[in-house]
Amino acid sequence: MTSIPLGPLMLATERLIALVLIGAFLFLGSRIARRTAAHADTAAWRALLIGLVAARLAFVLANLDAYRTEPLSALAAWQGGFALWPGVLAALVTIFAMLRRTRAAFLLGGAAVGLALGASLLTPMTRPAPHPLPPGLMLGTLEGQTVALDDLRGRPFVLNIWATWCGPCRREMPMVVDVARDATIPVYLANAGEDLPRIREYLENEGLSGKRVLVDPQGQAIPALDTRALPTTLFIDGSGMIVSSHVGEISRAQLTAQIEALERTPQ
């Protein structure tokens, strides 16, 4: 997942596309309302809200096993996780329930479907192509041992990049540590450039295991990975290719789904 800088913030490209298309849908709703004298603008707002709720609910139900562990995380919509077409279907039902079989309903419904098709075509195009992990990267363990990422080739692994000062990192950290404990492939948590005492103090205060924690105290390895925001989670196949990434806080459902996809990646 690529991201775009907005001042001090980073916005994932997929989310920017979604925001632009949502804005376009509401704009078209207002234009249709002016041309047809129907309440297409009101219908657009209601269809949007109901569609978003339905899209989120469909995603949660499809990943119910992940949400059983942390039911309240189903409300954390900012982490992402929406099923596009169930949301579009709910929006269409709302539009035709409000506007009946009128010209405004068909225009607004067509706009919803057209923009959804645009999202389904544009979103994959924004995802970076698989690219190799930079060679020669060295990280350390909390015990002072050296870990060469080149030596991890041969089986898939996940690299979550975090820092103690990063709020989203701190929120997702307990979940990532929990998933790492039971995952069928290694999940490493690579700290971005902080010293060992600070990392150890944070882990101890939070009651988190340091088993899979890696450190980059000199701040040399993490910049080479071109991570523009924290947290960032990289999914690396057995040949050392970064096949996908997630910028920002990740949910348990997204993390486990990506791990399962990584397991199915041909080596």
C-alpha atoms as a PDB file:
ATOM      1  CA  MET A   1       0.000   0.000   0.000  1.00  0.00           C
ATOM      2  CA  THR A   2       1.458   3.334  -1.023  1.00  0.00           C
ATOM      3  CA  SER A   3       0.917   6.556   0.905  1.00  0.00           C
ATOM      4  CA  ILE A   4       0.820  10.284   0.181  1.00  0.00           C
ATOM      5  CA  PRO A   5       2.243  12.951   2.525  1.00  0.00           C
ATOM      6  CA  LEU A   6      -0.277  15.544   3.729  1.00  0.00           C
ATOM      7  CA  GLY A   7       1.814  17.923   5.797  1.00  0.00           C
ATOM      8  CA  PRO A   8       2.953  15.975   8.865  1.00  0.00           C
ATOM      9  CA  LEU A   9       0.488  13.166   8.125  1.00  0.00           C
ATOM     10  CA  MET A  10       0.565  10.240   5.718  1.00  0.00           C
ATOM     11  CA  LEU A  11      -2.583   9.096   3.943  1.00  0.00           C
ATOM     12  CA  ALA A  12      -2.749   5.687   2.297  1.00  0.00           C
ATOM     13  CA  THR A  13      -3.461   6.033  -1.433  1.00  0.00           C
ATOM     14  CA  GLU A  14      -6.360   3.592  -1.236  1.00  0.00           C
ATOM     15  CA  ARG A  15      -8.039   5.760   1.394  1.00  0.00           C
ATOM     16  CA  LEU A  16      -7.457   8.895  -0.650  1.00  0.00           C
ATOM     17  CA  ILE A  17      -9.131   7.235  -3.637  1.00  0.00           C
ATOM     18  CA  ALA A  18     -12.070   6.266  -1.426  1.00  0.00           C
ATOM     19  CA  LEU A  19     -12.424   9.819  -0.105  1.00  0.00           C
ATOM     20  CA  VAL A  20     -12.304  11.301  -3.619  1.00  0.00           C
ATOM     21  CA  LEU A  21     -14.925   8.856  -4.916  1.00  0.00           C
ATOM     22  CA  ILE A  22     -17.176   9.458  -1.911  1.00  0.00           C
ATOM     23  CA  GLY A  23     -16.933  13.189  -2.557  1.00  0.00           C
ATOM     24  CA  ALA A  24     -17.758  12.613  -6.224  1.00  0.00           C
ATOM     25  CA  PHE A  25     -20.832  10.552  -5.274  1.00  0.00           C
ATOM     26  CA  LEU A  26     -22.167  13.269  -2.984  1.00  0.00           C
ATOM     27  CA  PHE A  27     -21.464  15.925  -5.624  1.00  0.00           C
ATOM     28  CA  LEU A  28     -23.349  13.915  -8.242  1.00  0.00           C
ATOM     29  CA  GLY A  29     -26.215  13.473  -5.793  1.00  0.00           C
ATOM     30  CA  SER A  30     -26.535  17.263  -5.457  1.00  0.00           C
ATOM     31  CA  ARG A  31     -26.373  17.748  -9.245  1.00  0.00           C
ATOM     32  CA  ILE A  32     -29.019  15.095  -9.856  1.00  0.00           C
ATOM     33  CA  ALA A  33     -31.231  16.745  -7.236  1.00  0.00           C
ATOM     34  CA  ARG A  34     -31.021  20.078  -9.077  1.00  0.00           C
ATOM     35  CA  ARG A  35     -31.810  18.552 -12.446  1.00  0.00           C
ATOM     36  CA  THR A  36     -34.678  16.280 -11.406  1.00  0.00           C
ATOM     37  CA  ALA A  37     -36.179  18.188  -8.449  1.00  0.00           C
ATOM     38  CA  ALA A  38     -35.954  14.922  -6.473  1.00  0.00           C
ATOM     39  CA  HIS A  39     -34.258  14.542  -3.092  1.00  0.00           C
ATOM     40  CA  ALA A  40     -31.253  12.806  -4.627  1.00  0.00           C
ATOM     41  CA  ASP A  41     -28.843  14.741  -2.406  1.00  0.00           C
ATOM     42  CA  THR A  42     -30.522  13.452   0.771  1.00  0.00           C
ATOM     43  CA  ALA A  43     -30.684   9.951  -0.732  1.00  0.00           C
ATOM     44  CA  ALA A  44     -26.969  10.117  -1.539  1.00  0.00           C
ATOM     45  CA  TRP A  45     -26.054  10.942   2.071  1.00  0.00           C
ATOM     46  CA  ARG A  46     -28.253   8.189   3.485  1.00  0.00           C
ATOM     47  CA  ALA A  47     -27.071   5.673   0.912  1.00  0.00           C
ATOM     48  CA  LEU A  48     -23.470   6.538   1.748  1.00  0.00           C
ATOM     49  CA  LEU A  49     -23.926   6.085   5.499  1.00  0.00           C
ATOM     50  CA  ILE A  50     -25.910   2.863   5.177  1.00  0.00           C
ATOM     51  CA  GLY A  51     -23.499   1.549   2.552  1.00  0.00           C
ATOM     52  CA  LEU A  52     -20.485   2.200   4.783  1.00  0.00           C
ATOM     53  CA  VAL A  53     -22.116   0.423   7.711  1.00  0.00           C
ATOM     54  CA  ALA A  54     -23.052  -2.537   5.510  1.00  0.00           C
ATOM     55  CA  ALA A  55     -19.551  -2.695   3.988  1.00  0.00           C
ATOM     56  CA  ARG A  56     -17.962  -2.710   7.427  1.00  0.00           C
ATOM     57  CA  LEU A  57     -20.408  -5.309   8.756  1.00  0.00           C
ATOM     58  CA  ALA A  58     -19.777  -7.581   5.775  1.00  0.00           C
ATOM     59  CA  PHE A  59     -16.011  -7.351   6.337  1.00  0.00           C
ATOM     60  CA  VAL A  60     -16.374  -8.120  10.047  1.00  0.00           C
ATOM     61  CA  LEU A  61     -18.609 -11.123   9.348  1.00  0.00           C
ATOM     62  CA  ALA A  62     -16.153 -12.427   6.739  1.00  0.00           C
ATOM     63  CA  ASN A  63     -13.360 -12.209   9.340  1.00  0.00           C
ATOM     64  CA  LEU A  64     -15.387 -13.169  12.381  1.00  0.00           C
ATOM     65  CA  ASP A  65     -12.743 -15.462  13.858  1.00  0.00           C
ATOM     66  CA  ALA A  66     -10.298 -12.549  14.129  1.00  0.00           C
ATOM     67  CA  TYR A  67     -12.891 -10.272  15.726  1.00  0.00           C
ATOM     68  CA  ARG A  68     -13.999 -12.855  18.286  1.00  0.00           C
ATOM     69  CA  THR A  69     -10.744 -12.247  20.146  1.00  0.00           C
ATOM     70  CA  GLU A  70     -11.303  -8.477  20.322  1.00  0.00           C
ATOM     71  CA  PRO A  71     -15.004  -7.752  19.597  1.00  0.00           C
ATOM     72  CA  LEU A  72     -14.691  -4.007  20.198  1.00  0.00           C
ATOM     73  CA  SER A  73     -12.060  -3.746  17.465  1.00  0.00           C
ATOM     74  CA  ALA A  74     -14.907  -4.218  14.978  1.00  0.00           C
ATOM     75  CA  LEU A  75     -15.727  -0.567  15.729  1.00  0.00           C
ATOM     76  CA  ALA A  76     -12.206   0.583  14.784  1.00  0.00           C
ATOM     77  CA  ALA A  77     -13.181   1.492  11.236  1.00  0.00           C
ATOM     78  CA  TRP A  78     -10.167   3.824  10.913  1.00  0.00           C
ATOM     79  CA  GLN A  79      -7.988   0.707  10.664  1.00  0.00           C
ATOM     80  CA  GLY A  80      -9.655  -0.091   7.349  1.00  0.00           C
ATOM     81  CA  GLY A  81     -11.614  -3.157   6.361  1.00  0.00           C
ATOM     82  CA  PHE A  82     -14.713  -2.640   4.186  1.00  0.00           C
ATOM     83  CA  ALA A  83     -16.331  -5.038   1.719  1.00  0.00           C
ATOM     84  CA  LEU A  84     -17.031  -2.903  -1.361  1.00  0.00           C
ATOM     85  CA  TRP A  85     -19.877  -4.680  -3.133  1.00  0.00           C
ATOM     86  CA  PRO A  86     -22.060  -5.500  -0.098  1.00  0.00           C
ATOM     87  CA  GLY A  87     -21.809  -1.784   0.705  1.00  0.00           C
ATOM     88  CA  VAL A  88     -22.792  -0.828  -2.850  1.00  0.00           C
ATOM     89  CA  LEU A  89     -25.760  -3.217  -2.727  1.00  0.00           C
ATOM     90  CA  ALA A  90     -26.987  -1.673   0.540  1.00  0.00           C
ATOM     91  CA  ALA A  91     -26.571   1.805  -0.992  1.00  0.00           C
ATOM     92  CA  LEU A  92     -28.621   0.803  -4.051  1.00  0.00           C
ATOM     93  CA  VAL A  93     -31.415  -0.593  -1.886  1.00  0.00           C
ATOM     94  CA  THR A  94     -31.454   2.693   0.046  1.00  0.00           C
ATOM     95  CA  ILE A  95     -31.525   4.788  -3.130  1.00  0.00           C
ATOM     96  CA  PHE A  96     -34.456   2.911  -4.691  1.00  0.00           C
ATOM     97  CA  ALA A  97     -36.330   2.738  -1.392  1.00  0.00           C
ATOM     98  CA  MET A  98     -36.145   6.533  -1.097  1.00  0.00           C
ATOM     99  CA  LEU A  99     -36.504   7.599  -4.737  1.00  0.00           C
ATOM    100  CA  ARG A 100     -38.540   4.679  -6.061  1.00  0.00           C
ATOM    101  CA  ARG A 101     -38.239   3.858  -9.761  1.00  0.00           C
ATOM    102  CA  THR A 102     -37.597   7.437 -10.815  1.00  0.00           C
ATOM    103  CA  ARG A 103     -35.057   8.914 -13.183  1.00  0.00           C
ATOM    104  CA  ALA A 104     -33.158  10.308 -10.195  1.00  0.00           C
ATOM    105  CA  ALA A 105     -32.931   6.842  -8.655  1.00  0.00           C
ATOM    106  CA  PHE A 106     -31.462   5.306 -11.799  1.00  0.00           C
ATOM    107  CA  LEU A 107     -29.022   8.179 -12.245  1.00  0.00           C
ATOM    108  CA  LEU A 108     -27.832   8.043  -8.636  1.00  0.00           C
ATOM    109  CA  GLY A 109     -27.729   4.245  -8.636  1.00  0.00           C
ATOM    110  CA  GLY A 110     -25.709   4.293 -11.847  1.00  0.00           C
ATOM    111  CA  ALA A 111     -23.306   6.777 -10.291  1.00  0.00           C
ATOM    112  CA  ALA A 112     -22.845   4.510  -7.274  1.00  0.00           C
ATOM    113  CA  VAL A 113     -22.087   1.463  -9.419  1.00  0.00           C
ATOM    114  CA  GLY A 114     -19.822   3.412 -11.774  1.00  0.00           C
ATOM    115  CA  LEU A 115     -17.770   4.898  -8.949  1.00  0.00           C
ATOM    116  CA  ALA A 116     -17.524   1.491  -7.255  1.00  0.00           C
ATOM    117  CA  LEU A 117     -16.203  -0.005 -10.490  1.00  0.00           C
ATOM    118  CA  GLY A 118     -13.711   2.841 -10.637  1.00  0.00           C
ATOM    119  CA  ALA A 119     -12.573   2.051  -7.091  1.00  0.00           C
ATOM    120  CA  SER A 120     -12.171  -1.651  -7.874  1.00  0.00           C
ATOM    121  CA  LEU A 121     -10.011  -0.803 -10.920  1.00  0.00           C
ATOM    122  CA  LEU A 122      -7.965   2.054  -9.451  1.00  0.00           C
ATOM    123  CA  THR A 123      -7.142   0.533  -6.058  1.00  0.00           C
ATOM    124  CA  PRO A 124      -5.061  -2.415  -7.364  1.00  0.00           C
ATOM    125  CA  MET A 125      -3.158  -0.017  -9.625  1.00  0.00           C
ATOM    126  CA  THR A 126      -1.942   1.992  -6.611  1.00  0.00           C
ATOM    127  CA  ARG A 127      -0.418  -1.023  -4.902  1.00  0.00           C
ATOM    128  CA  PRO A 128       3.329  -1.264  -5.454  1.00  0.00           C
ATOM    129  CA  ALA A 129       4.549  -4.231  -7.435  1.00  0.00           C
ATOM    130  CA  PRO A 130       6.468  -6.876  -5.483  1.00  0.00           C
ATOM    131  CA  HIS A 131      10.061  -5.760  -5.048  1.00  0.00           C
ATOM    132  CA  PRO A 132      13.113  -7.308  -3.388  1.00  0.00           C
ATOM    133  CA  LEU A 133      14.082  -6.709   0.197  1.00  0.00           C
ATOM    134  CA  PRO A 134      17.244  -4.531   0.154  1.00  0.00           C
ATOM    135  CA  PRO A 135      20.284  -6.777   0.642  1.00  0.00           C
ATOM    136  CA  GLY A 136      22.653  -6.544   3.567  1.00  0.00           C
ATOM    137  CA  LEU A 137      20.204  -5.246   6.187  1.00  0.00           C
ATOM    138  CA  MET A 138      21.288  -6.020   9.740  1.00  0.00           C
ATOM    139  CA  LEU A 139      19.121  -5.748  12.828  1.00  0.00           C
ATOM    140  CA  GLY A 140      19.710  -6.815  16.412  1.00  0.00           C
ATOM    141  CA  THR A 141      17.840  -8.622  19.164  1.00  0.00           C
ATOM    142  CA  LEU A 142      17.229  -7.355  22.674  1.00  0.00           C
ATOM    143  CA  GLU A 143      19.968  -9.763  23.820  1.00  0.00           C
ATOM    144  CA  GLY A 144      22.541  -8.122  21.546  1.00  0.00           C
ATOM    145  CA  GLN A 145      22.645 -10.764  18.827  1.00  0.00           C
ATOM    146  CA  THR A 146      22.803  -9.754  15.168  1.00  0.00           C
ATOM    147  CA  VAL A 147      20.094 -10.777  12.710  1.00  0.00           C
ATOM    148  CA  ALA A 148      20.785 -10.536   8.981  1.00  0.00           C
ATOM    149  CA  LEU A 149      17.518 -10.241   7.080  1.00  0.00           C
ATOM    150  CA  ASP A 150      19.204 -12.015   4.169  1.00  0.00           C
ATOM    151  CA  ASP A 151      19.450 -15.100   6.397  1.00  0.00           C
ATOM    152  CA  LEU A 152      15.657 -15.168   6.771  1.00  0.00           C
ATOM    153  CA  ARG A 153      15.196 -16.034   3.103  1.00  0.00           C
ATOM    154  CA  GLY A 154      13.785 -19.453   2.407  1.00  0.00           C
ATOM    155  CA  ARG A 155      10.467 -18.989   4.176  1.00  0.00           C
ATOM    156  CA  PRO A 156       7.967 -16.124   4.350  1.00  0.00           C
ATOM    157  CA  PHE A 157       8.032 -13.667   7.225  1.00  0.00           C
ATOM    158  CA  VAL A 158       6.371 -10.432   8.364  1.00  0.00           C
ATOM    159  CA  LEU A 159       8.215  -7.288   9.445  1.00  0.00           C
ATOM    160  CA  ASN A 160       6.234  -4.785  11.501  1.00  0.00           C
ATOM    161  CA  ILE A 161       8.102  -1.478  11.913  1.00  0.00           C
ATOM    162  CA  TRP A 162       7.241   0.538  15.017  1.00  0.00           C
ATOM    163  CA  ALA A 163       8.456   3.010  17.643  1.00  0.00           C
ATOM    164  CA  THR A 164       7.531   3.691  21.269  1.00  0.00           C
ATOM    165  CA  TRP A 165       6.595   7.332  20.506  1.00  0.00           C
ATOM    166  CA  CYS A 166       4.137   6.300  17.765  1.00  0.00           C
ATOM    167  CA  GLY A 167       0.530   6.245  19.033  1.00  0.00           C
ATOM    168  CA  PRO A 168      -0.871   3.877  16.379  1.00  0.00           C
ATOM    169  CA  CYS A 169       2.121   1.578  16.967  1.00  0.00           C
ATOM    170  CA  ARG A 170       1.341   1.428  20.669  1.00  0.00           C
ATOM    171  CA  ARG A 171      -2.319   0.678  19.983  1.00  0.00           C
ATOM    172  CA  GLU A 172      -1.631  -2.222  17.623  1.00  0.00           C
ATOM    173  CA  MET A 173       1.422  -3.592  19.457  1.00  0.00           C
ATOM    174  CA  PRO A 174      -0.370  -5.950  21.905  1.00  0.00           C
ATOM    175  CA  MET A 175      -2.370  -7.455  19.051  1.00  0.00           C
ATOM    176  CA  VAL A 176       0.695  -7.874  16.799  1.00  0.00           C
ATOM    177  CA  VAL A 177       2.638  -9.524  19.636  1.00  0.00           C
ATOM    178  CA  ASP A 178      -0.318 -11.861  20.237  1.00  0.00           C
ATOM    179  CA  VAL A 179      -0.573 -12.797  16.550  1.00  0.00           C
ATOM    180  CA  ALA A 180       3.212 -13.265  16.369  1.00  0.00           C
ATOM    181  CA  ARG A 181       3.068 -15.778  19.222  1.00  0.00           C
ATOM    182  CA  ASP A 182       0.688 -18.120  17.376  1.00  0.00           C
ATOM    183  CA  ALA A 183       1.464 -17.360  13.712  1.00  0.00           C
ATOM    184  CA  THR A 184       2.639 -20.191  11.480  1.00  0.00           C
ATOM    185  CA  ILE A 185       5.280 -17.912   9.935  1.00  0.00           C
ATOM    186  CA  PRO A 186       7.655 -15.574  11.821  1.00  0.00           C
ATOM    187  CA  VAL A 187       6.321 -12.109  12.640  1.00  0.00           C
ATOM    188  CA  TYR A 188       9.102  -9.709  13.680  1.00  0.00           C
ATOM    189  CA  LEU A 189       8.621  -6.298  15.279  1.00  0.00           C
ATOM    190  CA  ALA A 190      11.460  -4.025  14.180  1.00  0.00           C
ATOM    191  CA  ASN A 191      11.925  -0.887  16.241  1.00  0.00           C
ATOM    192  CA  ALA A 192      12.868   2.208  14.261  1.00  0.00           C
ATOM    193  CA  GLY A 193      16.032   3.739  15.658  1.00  0.00           C
ATOM    194  CA  GLU A 194      15.455   3.839  19.439  1.00  0.00           C
ATOM    195  CA  ASP A 195      17.937   2.743  22.089  1.00  0.00           C
ATOM    196  CA  LEU A 196      17.696  -0.547  23.977  1.00  0.00           C
ATOM    197  CA  PRO A 197      16.876   0.889  27.446  1.00  0.00           C
ATOM    198  CA  ARG A 198      13.861   2.774  26.075  1.00  0.00           C
ATOM    199  CA  ILE A 199      12.599  -0.282  24.170  1.00  0.00           C
ATOM    200  CA  ARG A 200      13.043  -2.602  27.152  1.00  0.00           C
ATOM    201  CA  GLU A 201      11.325  -0.126  29.472  1.00  0.00           C
ATOM    202  CA  TYR A 202       8.349   0.176  27.136  1.00  0.00           C
ATOM    203  CA  LEU A 203       7.949  -3.587  26.730  1.00  0.00           C
ATOM    204  CA  GLU A 204       8.249  -4.134  30.482  1.00  0.00           C
ATOM    205  CA  ASN A 205       5.728  -1.414  31.322  1.00  0.00           C
ATOM    206  CA  GLU A 206       3.245  -2.794  28.798  1.00  0.00           C
ATOM    207  CA  GLY A 207       3.836  -6.427  29.768  1.00  0.00           C
ATOM    208  CA  LEU A 208       4.785  -7.357  26.207  1.00  0.00           C
ATOM    209  CA  SER A 209       7.105 -10.152  25.125  1.00  0.00           C
ATOM    210  CA  GLY A 210      10.332  -9.137  23.416  1.00  0.00           C
ATOM    211  CA  LYS A 211      10.820 -12.518  21.765  1.00  0.00           C
ATOM    212  CA  ARG A 212      10.224 -11.292  18.204  1.00  0.00           C
ATOM    213  CA  VAL A 213      11.420  -7.713  18.729  1.00  0.00           C
ATOM    214  CA  LEU A 214      14.311  -6.530  16.570  1.00  0.00           C
ATOM    215  CA  VAL A 215      16.201  -3.264  16.989  1.00  0.00           C
ATOM    216  CA  ASP A 216      17.903  -0.778  14.700  1.00  0.00           C
ATOM    217  CA  PRO A 217      19.615   1.547  17.197  1.00  0.00           C
ATOM    218  CA  GLN A 218      21.806   3.196  14.561  1.00  0.00           C
ATOM    219  CA  GLY A 219      18.781   3.928  12.390  1.00  0.00           C
ATOM    220  CA  GLN A 220      20.409   2.519   9.247  1.00  0.00           C
ATOM    221  CA  ALA A 221      18.387  -0.558   8.292  1.00  0.00           C
ATOM    222  CA  ILE A 222      14.856   0.818   8.631  1.00  0.00           C
ATOM    223  CA  PRO A 223      15.402   3.863   6.333  1.00  0.00           C
ATOM    224  CA  ALA A 224      16.655   1.478   3.656  1.00  0.00           C
ATOM    225  CA  LEU A 225      13.189  -0.109   3.629  1.00  0.00           C
ATOM    226  CA  ASP A 226      11.693   3.249   2.525  1.00  0.00           C
ATOM    227  CA  THR A 227       9.023   3.258   5.212  1.00  0.00           C
ATOM    228  CA  ARG A 228       7.519   6.751   5.117  1.00  0.00           C
ATOM    229  CA  ALA A 229       5.199   6.341   8.082  1.00  0.00           C
ATOM    230  CA  LEU A 230       4.854   4.301  11.247  1.00  0.00           C
ATOM    231  CA  PRO A 231       3.623   1.741  11.780  1.00  0.00           C
ATOM    232  CA  THR A 232       4.301  -0.070   8.528  1.00  0.00           C
ATOM    233  CA  THR A 233       3.911  -3.817   8.097  1.00  0.00           C
ATOM    234  CA  LEU A 234       5.808  -5.597   5.323  1.00  0.00           C
ATOM    235  CA  PHE A 235       4.905  -9.065   4.043  1.00  0.00           C
ATOM    236  CA  ILE A 236       7.925 -10.850   2.562  1.00  0.00           C
ATOM    237  CA  ASP A 237       7.871 -14.166   0.705  1.00  0.00           C
ATOM    238  CA  GLY A 238      10.444 -16.917   0.872  1.00  0.00           C
ATOM    239  CA  SER A 239      12.473 -15.497  -2.012  1.00  0.00           C
ATOM    240  CA  GLY A 240      12.950 -12.192  -0.209  1.00  0.00           C
ATOM    241  CA  MET A 241      10.349 -10.235  -2.179  1.00  0.00           C
ATOM    242  CA  ILE A 242       8.154  -7.681  -0.411  1.00  0.00           C
ATOM    243  CA  VAL A 243       4.843  -8.825  -1.880  1.00  0.00           C
ATOM    244  CA  SER A 244       2.599  -6.386   0.003  1.00  0.00           C
ATOM    245  CA  SER A 245       2.640  -3.770   2.719  1.00  0.00           C
ATOM    246  CA  HIS A 246       0.258  -1.974   5.046  1.00  0.00           C
ATOM    247  CA  VAL A 247       0.866   1.635   6.066  1.00  0.00           C
ATOM    248  CA  GLY A 248      -0.703   2.692   9.347  1.00  0.00           C
ATOM    249  CA  GLU A 249      -2.431   0.793  12.118  1.00  0.00           C
ATOM    250  CA  ILE A 250      -3.431  -2.716  11.079  1.00  0.00           C
ATOM    251  CA  SER A 251      -6.305  -4.761  12.437  1.00  0.00           C
ATOM    252  CA  ARG A 252      -6.078  -8.376  13.560  1.00  0.00           C
ATOM    253  CA  ALA A 253      -8.323  -9.386  10.668  1.00  0.00           C
ATOM    254  CA  GLN A 254      -6.135  -7.663   8.076  1.00  0.00           C
ATOM    255  CA  LEU A 255      -2.929  -9.019   9.603  1.00  0.00           C
ATOM    256  CA  THR A 256      -4.136 -12.616   9.763  1.00  0.00           C
ATOM    257  CA  ALA A 257      -5.618 -12.403   6.254  1.00  0.00           C
ATOM    258  CA  GLN A 258      -2.315 -11.120   4.873  1.00  0.00           C
ATOM    259  CA  ILE A 259      -0.396 -13.846   6.689  1.00  0.00           C
ATOM    260  CA  GLU A 260      -2.689 -16.485   5.189  1.00  0.00           C
ATOM    261  CA  ALA A 261      -2.198 -14.952   1.732  1.00  0.00           C
ATOM    262  CA  LEU A 262       1.575 -14.990   2.279  1.00  0.00           C
ATOM    263  CA  GLU A 263       1.447 -18.666   3.184  1.00  0.00           C
ATOM    264  CA  ARG A 264      -0.237 -19.356  -0.173  1.00  0.00           C
ATOM    265  CA  THR A 265       2.341 -17.372  -2.144  1.00  0.00           C
ATOM    266  CA  PRO A 266       4.398 -19.702  -4.381  1.00  0.00           C
ATOM    267  CA  GLN A 267       8.036 -19.786  -3.306  1.00  0.00           C
END
